[in-house]
Amino acid sequence: MKKASVLKKIKGGKTVKIDVEIDDGKIHNIVISGDFFVYPQEALEELENKLKGCSLNKAKSILKEYAEKITVLGFTLDDVAELLEKAFKA
């Protein structure tokens, strides 16, 4: 199992970080954290749970789907997709 922690500083001083465990090309566990707000509040935990068990391509698809369902302030779900790519390549 591979573990990665990837951080991105966003314009305006905000940060977003993912801590991810990858096993056999799939997300085993993921935590998205940083200096941001997500509405509705429970959506972040729901998204993290939805990403578990997904390949990188499936995770990107889920992130696009969630971009239409939730409001994020301080980063975009594209930023999370970028961090996931870095984690999978690490």
PDB file of N, CA and C in Angstrom:
ATOM      1  N   MET A   1       0.852  -1.179   0.000  1.00  0.00           N
ATOM      2  CA  MET A   1       0.000   0.000   0.000  1.00  0.00           C
ATOM      3  C   MET A   1       0.893   1.236   0.000  1.00  0.00           C
ATOM      4  N   LYS A   2       0.543   2.178  -0.841  1.00  0.00           N
ATOM      5  CA  LYS A   2       1.286   3.436  -0.949  1.00  0.00           C
ATOM      6  C   LYS A   2       0.514   4.532  -0.235  1.00  0.00           C
ATOM      7  N   LYS A   3       1.249   5.341   0.547  1.00  0.00           N
ATOM      8  CA  LYS A   3       0.641   6.485   1.226  1.00  0.00           C
ATOM      9  C   LYS A   3       1.249   7.757   0.661  1.00  0.00           C
ATOM     10  N   ALA A   4       0.415   8.764   0.464  1.00  0.00           N
ATOM     11  CA  ALA A   4       0.892  10.051  -0.048  1.00  0.00           C
ATOM     12  C   ALA A   4       0.141  11.176   0.646  1.00  0.00           C
ATOM     13  N   SER A   5       0.856  12.264   0.842  1.00  0.00           N
ATOM     14  CA  SER A   5       0.271  13.482   1.393  1.00  0.00           C
ATOM     15  C   SER A   5       0.681  14.608   0.454  1.00  0.00           C
ATOM     16  N   VAL A   6      -0.302  15.261  -0.161  1.00  0.00           N
ATOM     17  CA  VAL A   6      -0.021  16.276  -1.180  1.00  0.00           C
ATOM     18  C   VAL A   6      -0.769  17.554  -0.811  1.00  0.00           C
ATOM     19  N   LEU A   7      -0.071  18.683  -0.899  1.00  0.00           N
ATOM     20  CA  LEU A   7      -0.608  19.980  -0.499  1.00  0.00           C
ATOM     21  C   LEU A   7      -0.521  20.956  -1.663  1.00  0.00           C
ATOM     22  N   LYS A   8      -1.532  21.800  -1.795  1.00  0.00           N
ATOM     23  CA  LYS A   8      -1.515  22.853  -2.813  1.00  0.00           C
ATOM     24  C   LYS A   8      -1.929  24.164  -2.170  1.00  0.00           C
ATOM     25  N   LYS A   9      -1.140  25.199  -2.435  1.00  0.00           N
ATOM     26  CA  LYS A   9      -1.516  26.546  -2.002  1.00  0.00           C
ATOM     27  C   LYS A   9      -2.322  27.180  -3.126  1.00  0.00           C
ATOM     28  N   ILE A  10      -3.462  27.710  -2.774  1.00  0.00           N
ATOM     29  CA  ILE A  10      -4.380  28.309  -3.733  1.00  0.00           C
ATOM     30  C   ILE A  10      -4.212  29.818  -3.686  1.00  0.00           C
ATOM     31  N   LYS A  11      -4.487  30.478  -4.814  1.00  0.00           N
ATOM     32  CA  LYS A  11      -4.465  31.946  -4.828  1.00  0.00           C
ATOM     33  C   LYS A  11      -5.304  32.488  -3.691  1.00  0.00           C
ATOM     34  N   GLY A  12      -4.814  33.528  -3.054  1.00  0.00           N
ATOM     35  CA  GLY A  12      -5.550  34.119  -1.943  1.00  0.00           C
ATOM     36  C   GLY A  12      -5.140  33.541  -0.601  1.00  0.00           C
ATOM     37  N   GLY A  13      -4.134  32.673  -0.604  1.00  0.00           N
ATOM     38  CA  GLY A  13      -3.595  32.159   0.646  1.00  0.00           C
ATOM     39  C   GLY A  13      -4.251  30.914   1.205  1.00  0.00           C
ATOM     40  N   LYS A  14      -5.234  30.356   0.521  1.00  0.00           N
ATOM     41  CA  LYS A  14      -5.905  29.145   0.992  1.00  0.00           C
ATOM     42  C   LYS A  14      -5.049  27.919   0.662  1.00  0.00           C
ATOM     43  N   THR A  15      -5.306  26.819   1.374  1.00  0.00           N
ATOM     44  CA  THR A  15      -4.606  25.567   1.102  1.00  0.00           C
ATOM     45  C   THR A  15      -5.613  24.424   1.033  1.00  0.00           C
ATOM     46  N   VAL A  16      -5.249  23.413   0.272  1.00  0.00           N
ATOM     47  CA  VAL A  16      -6.009  22.162   0.251  1.00  0.00           C
ATOM     48  C   VAL A  16      -4.982  21.035   0.273  1.00  0.00           C
ATOM     49  N   LYS A  17      -5.271  20.005   1.067  1.00  0.00           N
ATOM     50  CA  LYS A  17      -4.345  18.890   1.244  1.00  0.00           C
ATOM     51  C   LYS A  17      -5.125  17.590   1.162  1.00  0.00           C
ATOM     52  N   ILE A  18      -4.511  16.598   0.546  1.00  0.00           N
ATOM     53  CA  ILE A  18      -5.095  15.259   0.599  1.00  0.00           C
ATOM     54  C   ILE A  18      -4.075  14.308   1.210  1.00  0.00           C
ATOM     55  N   ASP A  19      -4.563  13.455   2.065  1.00  0.00           N
ATOM     56  CA  ASP A  19      -3.806  12.322   2.585  1.00  0.00           C
ATOM     57  C   ASP A  19      -4.518  11.106   2.031  1.00  0.00           C
ATOM     58  N   VAL A  20      -3.775  10.311   1.270  1.00  0.00           N
ATOM     59  CA  VAL A  20      -4.423   9.209   0.566  1.00  0.00           C
ATOM     60  C   VAL A  20      -3.586   7.939   0.688  1.00  0.00           C
ATOM     61  N   GLU A  21      -4.283   6.813   0.796  1.00  0.00           N
ATOM     62  CA  GLU A  21      -3.665   5.493   0.747  1.00  0.00           C
ATOM     63  C   GLU A  21      -4.159   4.830  -0.528  1.00  0.00           C
ATOM     64  N   ILE A  22      -3.208   4.359  -1.327  1.00  0.00           N
ATOM     65  CA  ILE A  22      -3.539   3.745  -2.615  1.00  0.00           C
ATOM     66  C   ILE A  22      -3.074   2.297  -2.589  1.00  0.00           C
ATOM     67  N   ASP A  23      -3.967   1.392  -2.932  1.00  0.00           N
ATOM     68  CA  ASP A  23      -3.652  -0.028  -2.944  1.00  0.00           C
ATOM     69  C   ASP A  23      -4.149  -0.626  -4.253  1.00  0.00           C
ATOM     70  N   ASP A  24      -3.246  -1.238  -4.983  1.00  0.00           N
ATOM     71  CA  ASP A  24      -3.588  -1.902  -6.243  1.00  0.00           C
ATOM     72  C   ASP A  24      -4.291  -0.951  -7.218  1.00  0.00           C
ATOM     73  N   GLY A  25      -3.798   0.316  -7.276  1.00  0.00           N
ATOM     74  CA  GLY A  25      -4.337   1.286  -8.220  1.00  0.00           C
ATOM     75  C   GLY A  25      -5.675   1.891  -7.834  1.00  0.00           C
ATOM     76  N   LYS A  26      -6.102   1.653  -6.597  1.00  0.00           N
ATOM     77  CA  LYS A  26      -7.386   2.202  -6.136  1.00  0.00           C
ATOM     78  C   LYS A  26      -7.203   2.917  -4.797  1.00  0.00           C
ATOM     79  N   ILE A  27      -8.053   3.907  -4.569  1.00  0.00           N
ATOM     80  CA  ILE A  27      -8.007   4.667  -3.325  1.00  0.00           C
ATOM     81  C   ILE A  27      -8.545   3.788  -2.199  1.00  0.00           C
ATOM     82  N   HIS A  28      -7.694   3.536  -1.220  1.00  0.00           N
ATOM     83  CA  HIS A  28      -8.107   2.745  -0.057  1.00  0.00           C
ATOM     84  C   HIS A  28      -8.700   3.654   1.017  1.00  0.00           C
ATOM     85  N   ASN A  29      -8.069   4.806   1.208  1.00  0.00           N
ATOM     86  CA  ASN A  29      -8.550   5.781   2.183  1.00  0.00           C
ATOM     87  C   ASN A  29      -8.129   7.169   1.719  1.00  0.00           C
ATOM     88  N   ILE A  30      -8.940   8.186   2.011  1.00  0.00           N
ATOM     89  CA  ILE A  30      -8.612   9.554   1.615  1.00  0.00           C
ATOM     90  C   ILE A  30      -9.204  10.532   2.626  1.00  0.00           C
ATOM     91  N   VAL A  31      -8.405  11.558   2.933  1.00  0.00           N
ATOM     92  CA  VAL A  31      -8.862  12.656   3.777  1.00  0.00           C
ATOM     93  C   VAL A  31      -8.513  13.952   3.053  1.00  0.00           C
ATOM     94  N   ILE A  32      -9.509  14.788   2.838  1.00  0.00           N
ATOM     95  CA  ILE A  32      -9.320  16.098   2.205  1.00  0.00           C
ATOM     96  C   ILE A  32      -9.419  17.135   3.318  1.00  0.00           C
ATOM     97  N   SER A  33      -8.364  17.945   3.452  1.00  0.00           N
ATOM     98  CA  SER A  33      -8.358  18.942   4.525  1.00  0.00           C
ATOM     99  C   SER A  33      -7.751  20.243   4.016  1.00  0.00           C
ATOM    100  N   GLY A  34      -7.802  21.267   4.850  1.00  0.00           N
ATOM    101  CA  GLY A  34      -7.215  22.548   4.477  1.00  0.00           C
ATOM    102  C   GLY A  34      -8.029  23.711   4.986  1.00  0.00           C
ATOM    103  N   ASP A  35      -7.753  24.847   4.388  1.00  0.00           N
ATOM    104  CA  ASP A  35      -8.356  26.119   4.784  1.00  0.00           C
ATOM    105  C   ASP A  35      -9.462  26.455   3.786  1.00  0.00           C
ATOM    106  N   PHE A  36     -10.642  25.869   3.987  1.00  0.00           N
ATOM    107  CA  PHE A  36     -11.737  26.044   3.035  1.00  0.00           C
ATOM    108  C   PHE A  36     -13.068  25.725   3.701  1.00  0.00           C
ATOM    109  N   PHE A  37     -14.135  25.981   2.975  1.00  0.00           N
ATOM    110  CA  PHE A  37     -15.490  25.665   3.427  1.00  0.00           C
ATOM    111  C   PHE A  37     -16.192  24.851   2.349  1.00  0.00           C
ATOM    112  N   VAL A  38     -17.020  23.915   2.785  1.00  0.00           N
ATOM    113  CA  VAL A  38     -17.810  23.082   1.876  1.00  0.00           C
ATOM    114  C   VAL A  38     -19.260  23.113   2.357  1.00  0.00           C
ATOM    115  N   TYR A  39     -20.178  23.311   1.414  1.00  0.00           N
ATOM    116  CA  TYR A  39     -21.613  23.307   1.713  1.00  0.00           C
ATOM    117  C   TYR A  39     -22.316  22.320   0.799  1.00  0.00           C
ATOM    118  N   PRO A  40     -23.195  21.484   1.277  1.00  0.00           N
ATOM    119  CA  PRO A  40     -23.498  21.289   2.691  1.00  0.00           C
ATOM    120  C   PRO A  40     -22.310  20.654   3.417  1.00  0.00           C
ATOM    121  N   GLN A  41     -22.219  20.835   4.725  1.00  0.00           N
ATOM    122  CA  GLN A  41     -21.057  20.413   5.503  1.00  0.00           C
ATOM    123  C   GLN A  41     -20.771  18.925   5.391  1.00  0.00           C
ATOM    124  N   GLU A  42     -21.812  18.111   5.368  1.00  0.00           N
ATOM    125  CA  GLU A  42     -21.609  16.662   5.322  1.00  0.00           C
ATOM    126  C   GLU A  42     -21.127  16.177   3.952  1.00  0.00           C
ATOM    127  N   ALA A  43     -21.128  17.047   2.964  1.00  0.00           N
ATOM    128  CA  ALA A  43     -20.759  16.651   1.600  1.00  0.00           C
ATOM    129  C   ALA A  43     -19.304  16.207   1.490  1.00  0.00           C
ATOM    130  N   LEU A  44     -18.410  16.797   2.272  1.00  0.00           N
ATOM    131  CA  LEU A  44     -16.995  16.431   2.180  1.00  0.00           C
ATOM    132  C   LEU A  44     -16.778  14.989   2.628  1.00  0.00           C
ATOM    133  N   GLU A  45     -17.355  14.616   3.747  1.00  0.00           N
ATOM    134  CA  GLU A  45     -17.226  13.236   4.225  1.00  0.00           C
ATOM    135  C   GLU A  45     -17.887  12.265   3.245  1.00  0.00           C
ATOM    136  N   GLU A  46     -19.020  12.656   2.709  1.00  0.00           N
ATOM    137  CA  GLU A  46     -19.714  11.829   1.708  1.00  0.00           C
ATOM    138  C   GLU A  46     -18.833  11.635   0.473  1.00  0.00           C
ATOM    139  N   LEU A  47     -18.189  12.712   0.022  1.00  0.00           N
ATOM    140  CA  LEU A  47     -17.300  12.637  -1.140  1.00  0.00           C
ATOM    141  C   LEU A  47     -16.115  11.721  -0.852  1.00  0.00           C
ATOM    142  N   GLU A  48     -15.491  11.881   0.311  1.00  0.00           N
ATOM    143  CA  GLU A  48     -14.355  11.024   0.671  1.00  0.00           C
ATOM    144  C   GLU A  48     -14.766   9.556   0.647  1.00  0.00           C
ATOM    145  N   ASN A  49     -15.924   9.245   1.200  1.00  0.00           N
ATOM    146  CA  ASN A  49     -16.407   7.856   1.210  1.00  0.00           C
ATOM    147  C   ASN A  49     -16.682   7.348  -0.197  1.00  0.00           C
ATOM    148  N   LYS A  50     -17.207   8.209  -1.049  1.00  0.00           N
ATOM    149  CA  LYS A  50     -17.514   7.830  -2.436  1.00  0.00           C
ATOM    150  C   LYS A  50     -16.227   7.531  -3.224  1.00  0.00           C
ATOM    151  N   LEU A  51     -15.124   8.224  -2.884  1.00  0.00           N
ATOM    152  CA  LEU A  51     -13.862   8.043  -3.601  1.00  0.00           C
ATOM    153  C   LEU A  51     -13.143   6.750  -3.220  1.00  0.00           C
ATOM    154  N   LYS A  52     -13.454   6.203  -2.055  1.00  0.00           N
ATOM    155  CA  LYS A  52     -12.801   4.968  -1.611  1.00  0.00           C
ATOM    156  C   LYS A  52     -13.140   3.827  -2.559  1.00  0.00           C
ATOM    157  N   GLY A  53     -12.109   3.100  -2.962  1.00  0.00           N
ATOM    158  CA  GLY A  53     -12.285   1.976  -3.872  1.00  0.00           C
ATOM    159  C   GLY A  53     -12.206   2.353  -5.338  1.00  0.00           C
ATOM    160  N   CYS A  54     -11.988   3.638  -5.626  1.00  0.00           N
ATOM    161  CA  CYS A  54     -11.980   4.116  -7.014  1.00  0.00           C
ATOM    162  C   CYS A  54     -10.574   4.203  -7.598  1.00  0.00           C
ATOM    163  N   SER A  55     -10.489   3.972  -8.892  1.00  0.00           N
ATOM    164  CA  SER A  55      -9.267   4.252  -9.642  1.00  0.00           C
ATOM    165  C   SER A  55      -9.169   5.763  -9.832  1.00  0.00           C
ATOM    166  N   LEU A  56      -8.036   6.227 -10.343  1.00  0.00           N
ATOM    167  CA  LEU A  56      -7.859   7.660 -10.579  1.00  0.00           C
ATOM    168  C   LEU A  56      -8.912   8.191 -11.543  1.00  0.00           C
ATOM    169  N   ASN A  57      -9.146   7.497 -12.655  1.00  0.00           N
ATOM    170  CA  ASN A  57     -10.124   7.976 -13.640  1.00  0.00           C
ATOM    171  C   ASN A  57     -11.543   8.013 -13.071  1.00  0.00           C
ATOM    172  N   LYS A  58     -11.913   6.998 -12.312  1.00  0.00           N
ATOM    173  CA  LYS A  58     -13.243   6.975 -11.691  1.00  0.00           C
ATOM    174  C   LYS A  58     -13.355   8.104 -10.666  1.00  0.00           C
ATOM    175  N   ALA A  59     -12.287   8.347  -9.906  1.00  0.00           N
ATOM    176  CA  ALA A  59     -12.292   9.426  -8.911  1.00  0.00           C
ATOM    177  C   ALA A  59     -12.480  10.776  -9.584  1.00  0.00           C
ATOM    178  N   LYS A  60     -11.813  10.992 -10.711  1.00  0.00           N
ATOM    179  CA  LYS A  60     -11.971  12.257 -11.448  1.00  0.00           C
ATOM    180  C   LYS A  60     -13.416  12.431 -11.909  1.00  0.00           C
ATOM    181  N   SER A  61     -14.029  11.354 -12.344  1.00  0.00           N
ATOM    182  CA  SER A  61     -15.426  11.395 -12.782  1.00  0.00           C
ATOM    183  C   SER A  61     -16.345  11.761 -11.612  1.00  0.00           C
ATOM    184  N   ILE A  62     -16.103  11.177 -10.461  1.00  0.00           N
ATOM    185  CA  ILE A  62     -16.906  11.484  -9.271  1.00  0.00           C
ATOM    186  C   ILE A  62     -16.713  12.937  -8.860  1.00  0.00           C
ATOM    187  N   LEU A  63     -15.484  13.439  -8.927  1.00  0.00           N
ATOM    188  CA  LEU A  63     -15.221  14.839  -8.574  1.00  0.00           C
ATOM    189  C   LEU A  63     -15.990  15.786  -9.493  1.00  0.00           C
ATOM    190  N   LYS A  64     -16.041  15.466 -10.788  1.00  0.00           N
ATOM    191  CA  LYS A  64     -16.808  16.299 -11.729  1.00  0.00           C
ATOM    192  C   LYS A  64     -18.295  16.280 -11.375  1.00  0.00           C
ATOM    193  N   GLU A  65     -18.793  15.112 -11.026  1.00  0.00           N
ATOM    194  CA  GLU A  65     -20.201  14.959 -10.636  1.00  0.00           C
ATOM    195  C   GLU A  65     -20.500  15.789  -9.377  1.00  0.00           C
ATOM    196  N   TYR A  66     -19.614  15.741  -8.411  1.00  0.00           N
ATOM    197  CA  TYR A  66     -19.818  16.484  -7.162  1.00  0.00           C
ATOM    198  C   TYR A  66     -19.663  17.985  -7.343  1.00  0.00           C
ATOM    199  N   ALA A  67     -18.909  18.412  -8.337  1.00  0.00           N
ATOM    200  CA  ALA A  67     -18.733  19.848  -8.582  1.00  0.00           C
ATOM    201  C   ALA A  67     -20.075  20.523  -8.843  1.00  0.00           C
ATOM    202  N   GLU A  68     -21.031  19.760  -9.352  1.00  0.00           N
ATOM    203  CA  GLU A  68     -22.363  20.301  -9.628  1.00  0.00           C
ATOM    204  C   GLU A  68     -23.291  20.198  -8.418  1.00  0.00           C
ATOM    205  N   LYS A  69     -22.920  19.389  -7.417  1.00  0.00           N
ATOM    206  CA  LYS A  69     -23.790  19.130  -6.269  1.00  0.00           C
ATOM    207  C   LYS A  69     -23.457  19.964  -5.041  1.00  0.00           C
ATOM    208  N   ILE A  70     -22.178  20.357  -4.908  1.00  0.00           N
ATOM    209  CA  ILE A  70     -21.759  21.025  -3.679  1.00  0.00           C
ATOM    210  C   ILE A  70     -21.096  22.366  -3.982  1.00  0.00           C
ATOM    211  N   THR A  71     -21.019  23.198  -2.972  1.00  0.00           N
ATOM    212  CA  THR A  71     -20.346  24.488  -3.078  1.00  0.00           C
ATOM    213  C   THR A  71     -19.074  24.427  -2.248  1.00  0.00           C
ATOM    214  N   VAL A  72     -17.950  24.768  -2.871  1.00  0.00           N
ATOM    215  CA  VAL A  72     -16.680  24.828  -2.151  1.00  0.00           C
ATOM    216  C   VAL A  72     -16.137  26.243  -2.244  1.00  0.00           C
ATOM    217  N   LEU A  73     -15.648  26.744  -1.131  1.00  0.00           N
ATOM    218  CA  LEU A  73     -15.041  28.068  -1.078  1.00  0.00           C
ATOM    219  C   LEU A  73     -13.600  27.909  -0.629  1.00  0.00           C
ATOM    220  N   GLY A  74     -12.658  28.384  -1.438  1.00  0.00           N
ATOM    221  CA  GLY A  74     -11.249  28.312  -1.086  1.00  0.00           C
ATOM    222  C   GLY A  74     -10.448  27.413  -1.998  1.00  0.00           C
ATOM    223  N   PHE A  75     -11.126  26.547  -2.769  1.00  0.00           N
ATOM    224  CA  PHE A  75     -10.468  25.678  -3.742  1.00  0.00           C
ATOM    225  C   PHE A  75     -11.527  25.149  -4.692  1.00  0.00           C
ATOM    226  N   THR A  76     -11.102  24.378  -5.681  1.00  0.00           N
ATOM    227  CA  THR A  76     -12.061  23.728  -6.577  1.00  0.00           C
ATOM    228  C   THR A  76     -11.839  22.220  -6.522  1.00  0.00           C
ATOM    229  N   LEU A  77     -12.805  21.470  -6.973  1.00  0.00           N
ATOM    230  CA  LEU A  77     -12.623  20.023  -7.021  1.00  0.00           C
ATOM    231  C   LEU A  77     -11.616  19.638  -8.098  1.00  0.00           C
ATOM    232  N   ASP A  78     -11.354  20.528  -9.046  1.00  0.00           N
ATOM    233  CA  ASP A  78     -10.260  20.308 -10.001  1.00  0.00           C
ATOM    234  C   ASP A  78      -8.920  20.302  -9.276  1.00  0.00           C
ATOM    235  N   ASP A  79      -8.790  21.126  -8.227  1.00  0.00           N
ATOM    236  CA  ASP A  79      -7.569  21.115  -7.416  1.00  0.00           C
ATOM    237  C   ASP A  79      -7.386  19.749  -6.757  1.00  0.00           C
ATOM    238  N   VAL A  80      -8.466  19.156  -6.273  1.00  0.00           N
ATOM    239  CA  VAL A  80      -8.397  17.832  -5.657  1.00  0.00           C
ATOM    240  C   VAL A  80      -7.993  16.793  -6.701  1.00  0.00           C
ATOM    241  N   ALA A  81      -8.540  16.891  -7.903  1.00  0.00           N
ATOM    242  CA  ALA A  81      -8.177  15.968  -8.983  1.00  0.00           C
ATOM    243  C   ALA A  81      -6.685  16.076  -9.297  1.00  0.00           C
ATOM    244  N   GLU A  82      -6.171  17.303  -9.327  1.00  0.00           N
ATOM    245  CA  GLU A  82      -4.744  17.528  -9.582  1.00  0.00           C
ATOM    246  C   GLU A  82      -3.889  16.890  -8.477  1.00  0.00           C
ATOM    247  N   LEU A  83      -4.307  17.047  -7.229  1.00  0.00           N
ATOM    248  CA  LEU A  83      -3.572  16.454  -6.114  1.00  0.00           C
ATOM    249  C   LEU A  83      -3.628  14.930  -6.164  1.00  0.00           C
ATOM    250  N   LEU A  84      -4.762  14.378  -6.550  1.00  0.00           N
ATOM    251  CA  LEU A  84      -4.873  12.922  -6.683  1.00  0.00           C
ATOM    252  C   LEU A  84      -3.924  12.393  -7.754  1.00  0.00           C
ATOM    253  N   GLU A  85      -3.831  13.110  -8.872  1.00  0.00           N
ATOM    254  CA  GLU A  85      -2.892  12.699  -9.924  1.00  0.00           C
ATOM    255  C   GLU A  85      -1.475  12.648  -9.387  1.00  0.00           C
ATOM    256  N   LYS A  86      -1.087  13.679  -8.637  1.00  0.00           N
ATOM    257  CA  LYS A  86       0.260  13.712  -8.052  1.00  0.00           C
ATOM    258  C   LYS A  86       0.455  12.552  -7.084  1.00  0.00           C
ATOM    259  N   ALA A  87      -0.547  12.259  -6.283  1.00  0.00           N
ATOM    260  CA  ALA A  87      -0.448  11.167  -5.313  1.00  0.00           C
ATOM    261  C   ALA A  87      -0.307   9.818  -6.009  1.00  0.00           C
ATOM    262  N   PHE A  88      -1.066   9.603  -7.082  1.00  0.00           N
ATOM    263  CA  PHE A  88      -0.979   8.338  -7.811  1.00  0.00           C
ATOM    264  C   PHE A  88       0.381   8.181  -8.486  1.00  0.00           C
ATOM    265  N   LYS A  89       1.003   9.293  -8.886  1.00  0.00           N
ATOM    266  CA  LYS A  89       2.306   9.242  -9.559  1.00  0.00           C
ATOM    267  C   LYS A  89       3.475   9.197  -8.582  1.00  0.00           C
ATOM    268  N   ALA A  90       3.216   9.526  -7.313  1.00  0.00           N
ATOM    269  CA  ALA A  90       4.294   9.595  -6.304  1.00  0.00           C
ATOM    270  C   ALA A  90       4.878   8.218  -6.028  1.00  0.00           C
TER     271      ALA A  90
END
